[in-house]
Amino acid sequence: MSLYAYTDRLIRPLKDITKVEILKDLKGYQCSPTSECRGYELYWIDEISPTKEYDWYGLVVIVERYKDKWYVVGLLRDRWTI
Protein backbone atom coordinates (compact mmCIF):
# COMPACT_ATOMS: atom_id res chain seq x y z
CA MET A 1 0.00 0.00 0.00
CA SER A 2 1.32 3.45 -0.78
CA LEU A 3 1.85 6.08 1.91
CA TYR A 4 -1.02 8.12 0.46
CA ALA A 5 -3.41 5.15 0.56
CA TYR A 6 -2.36 4.46 4.15
CA THR A 7 -2.98 8.03 5.32
CA ASP A 8 -6.36 8.05 3.54
CA ARG A 9 -7.41 5.08 5.68
CA LEU A 10 -6.47 6.61 9.03
CA ILE A 11 -9.28 6.88 11.58
CA ARG A 12 -8.79 10.64 11.86
CA PRO A 13 -7.35 13.13 9.33
CA LEU A 14 -3.75 14.28 9.61
CA LYS A 15 -4.90 17.90 9.94
CA ASP A 16 -6.49 17.01 13.31
CA ILE A 17 -3.27 15.84 15.02
CA THR A 18 -3.32 17.03 18.63
CA LYS A 19 0.30 16.47 19.67
CA VAL A 20 3.68 15.40 18.23
CA GLU A 21 6.52 13.92 20.29
CA ILE A 22 10.06 13.07 19.22
CA LEU A 23 10.88 9.45 20.06
CA LYS A 24 13.94 8.57 22.10
CA ASP A 25 14.04 5.10 20.52
CA LEU A 26 12.77 3.80 17.19
CA LYS A 27 10.40 1.13 18.57
CA GLY A 28 12.63 -1.71 17.38
CA TYR A 29 13.38 -0.33 13.91
CA GLN A 30 17.01 -0.99 12.95
CA CYS A 31 18.49 2.07 11.28
CA SER A 32 21.49 1.48 9.03
CA PRO A 33 24.74 2.48 10.77
CA THR A 34 25.61 4.64 7.75
CA SER A 35 22.41 6.69 7.78
CA GLU A 36 20.40 8.84 10.16
CA CYS A 37 16.90 7.97 11.41
CA ARG A 38 14.34 9.87 13.45
CA GLY A 39 11.05 8.84 14.98
CA TYR A 40 7.94 10.81 15.84
CA GLU A 41 4.67 9.87 17.49
CA LEU A 42 1.60 11.72 16.32
CA TYR A 43 -1.40 11.78 18.64
CA TRP A 44 -5.09 12.35 18.20
CA ILE A 45 -6.43 12.87 21.72
CA ASP A 46 -10.14 12.74 22.47
CA GLU A 47 -10.39 16.12 24.20
CA ILE A 48 -14.02 15.64 25.28
CA SER A 49 -13.31 12.36 27.04
CA PRO A 50 -13.35 12.53 30.87
CA THR A 51 -10.20 10.37 30.79
CA LYS A 52 -8.44 11.98 27.81
CA GLU A 53 -4.97 11.01 29.07
CA TYR A 54 -6.03 7.40 28.42
CA ASP A 55 -8.21 7.95 25.34
CA TRP A 56 -6.02 8.57 22.32
CA TYR A 57 -4.99 7.20 18.96
CA GLY A 58 -1.36 7.37 17.85
CA LEU A 59 0.78 6.91 14.79
CA VAL A 60 4.54 6.33 14.98
CA VAL A 61 6.41 7.64 11.94
CA ILE A 62 10.05 6.70 11.34
CA VAL A 63 12.03 8.61 8.72
CA GLU A 64 15.49 7.92 7.35
CA ARG A 65 17.89 10.22 5.53
CA TYR A 66 19.14 8.95 2.20
CA LYS A 67 21.25 11.17 -0.08
CA ASP A 68 20.17 14.33 1.78
CA LYS A 69 16.44 13.56 1.49
CA TRP A 70 14.15 12.18 4.20
CA TYR A 71 11.96 9.14 3.49
CA VAL A 72 9.24 7.48 5.55
CA VAL A 73 10.55 3.98 6.31
CA GLY A 74 8.20 2.90 9.07
CA LEU A 75 4.63 3.43 10.26
CA LEU A 76 3.15 1.86 13.38
CA ARG A 77 -0.30 2.45 14.78
CA ASP A 78 -0.94 2.71 18.48
CA ARG A 79 -4.11 3.21 20.50
CA TRP A 80 -5.06 3.45 24.12
CA THR A 81 -8.59 3.67 25.48
CA ILE A 82 -10.51 2.60 28.55
PDB file of N, CA and C in Angstrom:
ATOM      1  N   MET A   1       0.851  -1.169   0.000  1.00  0.00           N
ATOM      2  CA  MET A   1       0.000   0.000   0.000  1.00  0.00           C
ATOM      3  C   MET A   1       0.899   1.235   0.000  1.00  0.00           C
ATOM      4  N   SER A   2       0.520   2.229  -0.746  1.00  0.00           N
ATOM      5  CA  SER A   2       1.315   3.453  -0.781  1.00  0.00           C
ATOM      6  C   SER A   2       1.092   4.268   0.494  1.00  0.00           C
ATOM      7  N   LEU A   3       1.987   5.198   0.752  1.00  0.00           N
ATOM      8  CA  LEU A   3       1.854   6.082   1.911  1.00  0.00           C
ATOM      9  C   LEU A   3       0.563   6.878   1.818  1.00  0.00           C
ATOM     10  N   TYR A   4       0.208   7.333   0.635  1.00  0.00           N
ATOM     11  CA  TYR A   4      -1.017   8.117   0.457  1.00  0.00           C
ATOM     12  C   TYR A   4      -2.257   7.275   0.747  1.00  0.00           C
ATOM     13  N   ALA A   5      -2.275   6.037   0.286  1.00  0.00           N
ATOM     14  CA  ALA A   5      -3.406   5.151   0.563  1.00  0.00           C
ATOM     15  C   ALA A   5      -3.509   4.876   2.060  1.00  0.00           C
ATOM     16  N   TYR A   6      -2.367   4.706   2.709  1.00  0.00           N
ATOM     17  CA  TYR A   6      -2.357   4.455   4.154  1.00  0.00           C
ATOM     18  C   TYR A   6      -2.939   5.648   4.918  1.00  0.00           C
ATOM     19  N   THR A   7      -2.486   6.852   4.590  1.00  0.00           N
ATOM     20  CA  THR A   7      -2.980   8.028   5.322  1.00  0.00           C
ATOM     21  C   THR A   7      -4.454   8.290   5.022  1.00  0.00           C
ATOM     22  N   ASP A   8      -4.929   7.907   3.840  1.00  0.00           N
ATOM     23  CA  ASP A   8      -6.360   8.050   3.539  1.00  0.00           C
ATOM     24  C   ASP A   8      -7.217   7.134   4.403  1.00  0.00           C
ATOM     25  N   ARG A   9      -6.649   6.047   4.884  1.00  0.00           N
ATOM     26  CA  ARG A   9      -7.410   5.079   5.684  1.00  0.00           C
ATOM     27  C   ARG A   9      -7.290   5.297   7.195  1.00  0.00           C
ATOM     28  N   LEU A  10      -6.584   6.331   7.601  1.00  0.00           N
ATOM     29  CA  LEU A  10      -6.471   6.606   9.033  1.00  0.00           C
ATOM     30  C   LEU A  10      -7.843   6.931   9.629  1.00  0.00           C
ATOM     31  N   ILE A  11      -8.012   6.636  10.903  1.00  0.00           N
ATOM     32  CA  ILE A  11      -9.281   6.875  11.578  1.00  0.00           C
ATOM     33  C   ILE A  11      -9.615   8.364  11.619  1.00  0.00           C
ATOM     34  N   ARG A  12      -8.598   9.192  11.812  1.00  0.00           N
ATOM     35  CA  ARG A  12      -8.791  10.640  11.857  1.00  0.00           C
ATOM     36  C   ARG A  12      -7.847  11.299  10.862  1.00  0.00           C
ATOM     37  N   PRO A  13      -8.220  12.469  10.305  1.00  0.00           N
ATOM     38  CA  PRO A  13      -7.351  13.129   9.327  1.00  0.00           C
ATOM     39  C   PRO A  13      -6.075  13.680   9.947  1.00  0.00           C
ATOM     40  N   LEU A  14      -5.026  13.752   9.141  1.00  0.00           N
ATOM     41  CA  LEU A  14      -3.745  14.278   9.609  1.00  0.00           C
ATOM     42  C   LEU A  14      -3.868  15.714  10.106  1.00  0.00           C
ATOM     43  N   LYS A  15      -4.753  16.498   9.535  1.00  0.00           N
ATOM     44  CA  LYS A  15      -4.895  17.899   9.944  1.00  0.00           C
ATOM     45  C   LYS A  15      -5.394  18.036  11.380  1.00  0.00           C
ATOM     46  N   ASP A  16      -5.950  16.972  11.952  1.00  0.00           N
ATOM     47  CA  ASP A  16      -6.495  17.013  13.309  1.00  0.00           C
ATOM     48  C   ASP A  16      -5.538  16.477  14.374  1.00  0.00           C
ATOM     49  N   ILE A  17      -4.262  16.335  14.046  1.00  0.00           N
ATOM     50  CA  ILE A  17      -3.274  15.845  15.019  1.00  0.00           C
ATOM     51  C   ILE A  17      -3.239  16.799  16.204  1.00  0.00           C
ATOM     52  N   THR A  18      -3.287  16.244  17.409  1.00  0.00           N
ATOM     53  CA  THR A  18      -3.321  17.032  18.633  1.00  0.00           C
ATOM     54  C   THR A  18      -1.932  17.325  19.182  1.00  0.00           C
ATOM     55  N   LYS A  19      -1.009  16.356  19.021  1.00  0.00           N
ATOM     56  CA  LYS A  19       0.296  16.469  19.669  1.00  0.00           C
ATOM     57  C   LYS A  19       1.325  15.652  18.891  1.00  0.00           C
ATOM     58  N   VAL A  20       2.570  16.130  18.874  1.00  0.00           N
ATOM     59  CA  VAL A  20       3.675  15.402  18.234  1.00  0.00           C
ATOM     60  C   VAL A  20       4.814  15.312  19.243  1.00  0.00           C
ATOM     61  N   GLU A  21       5.365  14.114  19.408  1.00  0.00           N
ATOM     62  CA  GLU A  21       6.517  13.917  20.288  1.00  0.00           C
ATOM     63  C   GLU A  21       7.654  13.273  19.505  1.00  0.00           C
ATOM     64  N   ILE A  22       8.874  13.702  19.803  1.00  0.00           N
ATOM     65  CA  ILE A  22      10.063  13.074  19.222  1.00  0.00           C
ATOM     66  C   ILE A  22      10.366  11.827  20.040  1.00  0.00           C
ATOM     67  N   LEU A  23      10.594  10.712  19.366  1.00  0.00           N
ATOM     68  CA  LEU A  23      10.882   9.455  20.060  1.00  0.00           C
ATOM     69  C   LEU A  23      12.341   9.378  20.471  1.00  0.00           C
ATOM     70  N   LYS A  24      12.570   8.799  21.625  1.00  0.00           N
ATOM     71  CA  LYS A  24      13.943   8.568  22.097  1.00  0.00           C
ATOM     72  C   LYS A  24      14.503   7.274  21.534  1.00  0.00           C
ATOM     73  N   ASP A  25      13.618   6.337  21.175  1.00  0.00           N
ATOM     74  CA  ASP A  25      14.041   5.103  20.522  1.00  0.00           C
ATOM     75  C   ASP A  25      13.128   4.881  19.318  1.00  0.00           C
ATOM     76  N   LEU A  26      13.505   3.997  18.436  1.00  0.00           N
ATOM     77  CA  LEU A  26      12.770   3.798  17.194  1.00  0.00           C
ATOM     78  C   LEU A  26      11.835   2.595  17.235  1.00  0.00           C
ATOM     79  N   LYS A  27      11.393   2.208  18.409  1.00  0.00           N
ATOM     80  CA  LYS A  27      10.402   1.129  18.573  1.00  0.00           C
ATOM     81  C   LYS A  27      10.824  -0.160  17.874  1.00  0.00           C
ATOM     82  N   GLY A  28      12.125  -0.467  17.951  1.00  0.00           N
ATOM     83  CA  GLY A  28      12.629  -1.707  17.382  1.00  0.00           C
ATOM     84  C   GLY A  28      13.105  -1.607  15.940  1.00  0.00           C
ATOM     85  N   TYR A  29      12.902  -0.482  15.288  1.00  0.00           N
ATOM     86  CA  TYR A  29      13.379  -0.326  13.914  1.00  0.00           C
ATOM     87  C   TYR A  29      14.903  -0.237  13.921  1.00  0.00           C
ATOM     88  N   GLN A  30      15.549  -0.977  13.040  1.00  0.00           N
ATOM     89  CA  GLN A  30      17.005  -0.987  12.954  1.00  0.00           C
ATOM     90  C   GLN A  30      17.455  -0.044  11.849  1.00  0.00           C
ATOM     91  N   CYS A  31      17.971   1.093  12.227  1.00  0.00           N
ATOM     92  CA  CYS A  31      18.489   2.066  11.276  1.00  0.00           C
ATOM     93  C   CYS A  31      19.880   1.621  10.820  1.00  0.00           C
ATOM     94  N   SER A  32      20.169   1.811   9.558  1.00  0.00           N
ATOM     95  CA  SER A  32      21.486   1.479   9.030  1.00  0.00           C
ATOM     96  C   SER A  32      22.558   2.309   9.739  1.00  0.00           C
ATOM     97  N   PRO A  33      23.691   1.727  10.084  1.00  0.00           N
ATOM     98  CA  PRO A  33      24.742   2.485  10.770  1.00  0.00           C
ATOM     99  C   PRO A  33      25.317   3.622   9.921  1.00  0.00           C
ATOM    100  N   THR A  34      25.075   3.595   8.619  1.00  0.00           N
ATOM    101  CA  THR A  34      25.608   4.639   7.746  1.00  0.00           C
ATOM    102  C   THR A  34      24.583   5.728   7.428  1.00  0.00           C
ATOM    103  N   SER A  35      23.415   5.668   8.038  1.00  0.00           N
ATOM    104  CA  SER A  35      22.407   6.693   7.776  1.00  0.00           C
ATOM    105  C   SER A  35      21.891   7.262   9.095  1.00  0.00           C
ATOM    106  N   GLU A  36      20.979   8.194   8.991  1.00  0.00           N
ATOM    107  CA  GLU A  36      20.396   8.839  10.162  1.00  0.00           C
ATOM    108  C   GLU A  36      18.888   8.592  10.148  1.00  0.00           C
ATOM    109  N   CYS A  37      18.337   8.204  11.293  1.00  0.00           N
ATOM    110  CA  CYS A  37      16.903   7.966  11.406  1.00  0.00           C
ATOM    111  C   CYS A  37      16.331   8.805  12.542  1.00  0.00           C
ATOM    112  N   ARG A  38      15.068   9.147  12.406  1.00  0.00           N
ATOM    113  CA  ARG A  38      14.339   9.867  13.455  1.00  0.00           C
ATOM    114  C   ARG A  38      12.952   9.271  13.567  1.00  0.00           C
ATOM    115  N   GLY A  39      12.397   9.358  14.762  1.00  0.00           N
ATOM    116  CA  GLY A  39      11.054   8.839  14.982  1.00  0.00           C
ATOM    117  C   GLY A  39      10.180   9.873  15.663  1.00  0.00           C
ATOM    118  N   TYR A  40       8.924   9.882  15.281  1.00  0.00           N
ATOM    119  CA  TYR A  40       7.942  10.811  15.836  1.00  0.00           C
ATOM    120  C   TYR A  40       6.666  10.052  16.141  1.00  0.00           C
ATOM    121  N   GLU A  41       5.995  10.428  17.220  1.00  0.00           N
ATOM    122  CA  GLU A  41       4.675   9.870  17.495  1.00  0.00           C
ATOM    123  C   GLU A  41       3.668  10.994  17.388  1.00  0.00           C
ATOM    124  N   LEU A  42       2.681  10.766  16.537  1.00  0.00           N
ATOM    125  CA  LEU A  42       1.605  11.720  16.317  1.00  0.00           C
ATOM    126  C   LEU A  42       0.398  11.244  17.106  1.00  0.00           C
ATOM    127  N   TYR A  43      -0.265  12.150  17.800  1.00  0.00           N
ATOM    128  CA  TYR A  43      -1.400  11.777  18.638  1.00  0.00           C
ATOM    129  C   TYR A  43      -2.665  12.509  18.228  1.00  0.00           C
ATOM    130  N   TRP A  44      -3.754  11.771  18.262  1.00  0.00           N
ATOM    131  CA  TRP A  44      -5.088  12.346  18.198  1.00  0.00           C
ATOM    132  C   TRP A  44      -5.703  12.041  19.557  1.00  0.00           C
ATOM    133  N   ILE A  45      -5.908  13.047  20.366  1.00  0.00           N
ATOM    134  CA  ILE A  45      -6.430  12.870  21.721  1.00  0.00           C
ATOM    135  C   ILE A  45      -7.895  13.269  21.737  1.00  0.00           C
ATOM    136  N   ASP A  46      -8.718  12.437  22.355  1.00  0.00           N
ATOM    137  CA  ASP A  46     -10.144  12.737  22.473  1.00  0.00           C
ATOM    138  C   ASP A  46     -10.320  13.759  23.585  1.00  0.00           C
ATOM    139  N   GLU A  47     -10.357  15.026  23.223  1.00  0.00           N
ATOM    140  CA  GLU A  47     -10.391  16.121  24.200  1.00  0.00           C
ATOM    141  C   GLU A  47     -11.681  16.172  25.010  1.00  0.00           C
ATOM    142  N   ILE A  48     -12.762  15.583  24.518  1.00  0.00           N
ATOM    143  CA  ILE A  48     -14.021  15.640  25.275  1.00  0.00           C
ATOM    144  C   ILE A  48     -14.188  14.445  26.213  1.00  0.00           C
ATOM    145  N   SER A  49     -13.254  13.524  26.160  1.00  0.00           N
ATOM    146  CA  SER A  49     -13.315  12.355  27.038  1.00  0.00           C
ATOM    147  C   SER A  49     -12.978  12.759  28.477  1.00  0.00           C
ATOM    148  N   PRO A  50     -13.696  12.227  29.472  1.00  0.00           N
ATOM    149  CA  PRO A  50     -13.353  12.529  30.869  1.00  0.00           C
ATOM    150  C   PRO A  50     -12.009  11.934  31.282  1.00  0.00           C
ATOM    151  N   THR A  51     -11.503  10.984  30.518  1.00  0.00           N
ATOM    152  CA  THR A  51     -10.196  10.370  30.786  1.00  0.00           C
ATOM    153  C   THR A  51      -9.296  10.523  29.558  1.00  0.00           C
ATOM    154  N   LYS A  52      -9.147  11.773  29.065  1.00  0.00           N
ATOM    155  CA  LYS A  52      -8.443  11.984  27.807  1.00  0.00           C
ATOM    156  C   LYS A  52      -6.982  11.538  27.829  1.00  0.00           C
ATOM    157  N   GLU A  53      -6.357  11.488  29.017  1.00  0.00           N
ATOM    158  CA  GLU A  53      -4.971  11.014  29.072  1.00  0.00           C
ATOM    159  C   GLU A  53      -4.873   9.527  28.734  1.00  0.00           C
ATOM    160  N   TYR A  54      -6.014   8.830  28.751  1.00  0.00           N
ATOM    161  CA  TYR A  54      -6.034   7.402  28.415  1.00  0.00           C
ATOM    162  C   TYR A  54      -6.905   7.125  27.200  1.00  0.00           C
ATOM    163  N   ASP A  55      -7.309   8.135  26.476  1.00  0.00           N
ATOM    164  CA  ASP A  55      -8.208   7.946  25.342  1.00  0.00           C
ATOM    165  C   ASP A  55      -7.617   8.655  24.126  1.00  0.00           C
ATOM    166  N   TRP A  56      -6.701   7.966  23.449  1.00  0.00           N
ATOM    167  CA  TRP A  56      -6.016   8.569  22.324  1.00  0.00           C
ATOM    168  C   TRP A  56      -5.709   7.524  21.260  1.00  0.00           C
ATOM    169  N   TYR A  57      -5.379   8.019  20.092  1.00  0.00           N
ATOM    170  CA  TYR A  57      -4.989   7.197  18.959  1.00  0.00           C
ATOM    171  C   TYR A  57      -3.655   7.753  18.481  1.00  0.00           C
ATOM    172  N   GLY A  58      -2.689   6.897  18.226  1.00  0.00           N
ATOM    173  CA  GLY A  58      -1.365   7.375  17.851  1.00  0.00           C
ATOM    174  C   GLY A  58      -0.839   6.729  16.584  1.00  0.00           C
ATOM    175  N   LEU A  59       0.108   7.407  15.974  1.00  0.00           N
ATOM    176  CA  LEU A  59       0.776   6.905  14.789  1.00  0.00           C
ATOM    177  C   LEU A  59       2.263   7.202  14.948  1.00  0.00           C
ATOM    178  N   VAL A  60       3.089   6.164  14.909  1.00  0.00           N
ATOM    179  CA  VAL A  60       4.537   6.326  14.977  1.00  0.00           C
ATOM    180  C   VAL A  60       5.054   6.403  13.542  1.00  0.00           C
ATOM    181  N   VAL A  61       5.835   7.441  13.267  1.00  0.00           N
ATOM    182  CA  VAL A  61       6.412   7.638  11.940  1.00  0.00           C
ATOM    183  C   VAL A  61       7.939   7.633  12.088  1.00  0.00           C
ATOM    184  N   ILE A  62       8.593   6.765  11.324  1.00  0.00           N
ATOM    185  CA  ILE A  62      10.051   6.704  11.338  1.00  0.00           C
ATOM    186  C   ILE A  62      10.546   7.137   9.965  1.00  0.00           C
ATOM    187  N   VAL A  63      11.467   8.091   9.970  1.00  0.00           N
ATOM    188  CA  VAL A  63      12.027   8.608   8.717  1.00  0.00           C
ATOM    189  C   VAL A  63      13.537   8.368   8.704  1.00  0.00           C
ATOM    190  N   GLU A  64      14.063   8.178   7.509  1.00  0.00           N
ATOM    191  CA  GLU A  64      15.489   7.916   7.353  1.00  0.00           C
ATOM    192  C   GLU A  64      16.045   8.819   6.255  1.00  0.00           C
ATOM    193  N   ARG A  65      17.237   9.358   6.512  1.00  0.00           N
ATOM    194  CA  ARG A  65      17.892  10.223   5.530  1.00  0.00           C
ATOM    195  C   ARG A  65      18.665   9.359   4.539  1.00  0.00           C
ATOM    196  N   TYR A  66      18.437   9.642   3.270  1.00  0.00           N
ATOM    197  CA  TYR A  66      19.143   8.949   2.198  1.00  0.00           C
ATOM    198  C   TYR A  66      19.488   9.984   1.133  1.00  0.00           C
ATOM    199  N   LYS A  67      20.769  10.187   0.894  1.00  0.00           N
ATOM    200  CA  LYS A  67      21.252  11.175  -0.080  1.00  0.00           C
ATOM    201  C   LYS A  67      20.609  12.537   0.137  1.00  0.00           C
ATOM    202  N   ASP A  68      20.661  13.005   1.379  1.00  0.00           N
ATOM    203  CA  ASP A  68      20.166  14.330   1.781  1.00  0.00           C
ATOM    204  C   ASP A  68      18.664  14.538   1.621  1.00  0.00           C
ATOM    205  N   LYS A  69      17.903  13.469   1.498  1.00  0.00           N
ATOM    206  CA  LYS A  69      16.441  13.558   1.488  1.00  0.00           C
ATOM    207  C   LYS A  69      15.905  12.622   2.565  1.00  0.00           C
ATOM    208  N   TRP A  70      14.768  12.989   3.158  1.00  0.00           N
ATOM    209  CA  TRP A  70      14.148  12.177   4.205  1.00  0.00           C
ATOM    210  C   TRP A  70      13.015  11.356   3.605  1.00  0.00           C
ATOM    211  N   TYR A  71      12.977  10.066   3.984  1.00  0.00           N
ATOM    212  CA  TYR A  71      11.961   9.143   3.494  1.00  0.00           C
ATOM    213  C   TYR A  71      11.272   8.467   4.672  1.00  0.00           C
ATOM    214  N   VAL A  72       9.976   8.249   4.545  1.00  0.00           N
ATOM    215  CA  VAL A  72       9.241   7.479   5.547  1.00  0.00           C
ATOM    216  C   VAL A  72       9.616   6.019   5.340  1.00  0.00           C
ATOM    217  N   VAL A  73      10.138   5.390   6.406  1.00  0.00           N
ATOM    218  CA  VAL A  73      10.550   3.985   6.312  1.00  0.00           C
ATOM    219  C   VAL A  73       9.762   3.089   7.263  1.00  0.00           C
ATOM    220  N   GLY A  74       8.985   3.700   8.150  1.00  0.00           N
ATOM    221  CA  GLY A  74       8.204   2.896   9.075  1.00  0.00           C
ATOM    222  C   GLY A  74       6.986   3.636   9.585  1.00  0.00           C
ATOM    223  N   LEU A  75       5.864   2.915   9.678  1.00  0.00           N
ATOM    224  CA  LEU A  75       4.625   3.431  10.261  1.00  0.00           C
ATOM    225  C   LEU A  75       4.072   2.374  11.203  1.00  0.00           C
ATOM    226  N   LEU A  76       3.745   2.770  12.408  1.00  0.00           N
ATOM    227  CA  LEU A  76       3.152   1.858  13.378  1.00  0.00           C
ATOM    228  C   LEU A  76       1.954   2.550  14.000  1.00  0.00           C
ATOM    229  N   ARG A  77       0.865   1.861  14.119  1.00  0.00           N
ATOM    230  CA  ARG A  77      -0.299   2.453  14.784  1.00  0.00           C
ATOM    231  C   ARG A  77      -0.293   2.066  16.243  1.00  0.00           C
ATOM    232  N   ASP A  78      -0.859   2.944  17.048  1.00  0.00           N
ATOM    233  CA  ASP A  78      -0.940   2.713  18.478  1.00  0.00           C
ATOM    234  C   ASP A  78      -2.252   3.302  18.959  1.00  0.00           C
ATOM    235  N   ARG A  79      -2.849   2.695  19.981  1.00  0.00           N
ATOM    236  CA  ARG A  79      -4.107   3.210  20.504  1.00  0.00           C
ATOM    237  C   ARG A  79      -4.233   2.816  21.969  1.00  0.00           C
ATOM    238  N   TRP A  80      -4.788   3.724  22.730  1.00  0.00           N
ATOM    239  CA  TRP A  80      -5.063   3.447  24.123  1.00  0.00           C
ATOM    240  C   TRP A  80      -6.433   4.002  24.456  1.00  0.00           C
ATOM    241  N   THR A  81      -7.270   3.207  25.052  1.00  0.00           N
ATOM    242  CA  THR A  81      -8.588   3.672  25.475  1.00  0.00           C
ATOM    243  C   THR A  81      -9.076   2.803  26.620  1.00  0.00           C
ATOM    244  N   ILE A  82      -9.893   3.390  27.477  1.00  0.00           N
ATOM    245  CA  ILE A  82     -10.511   2.601  28.551  1.00  0.00           C
ATOM    246  C   ILE A  82     -12.000   2.561  28.383  1.00  0.00           C
TER     247      ILE A  82
END
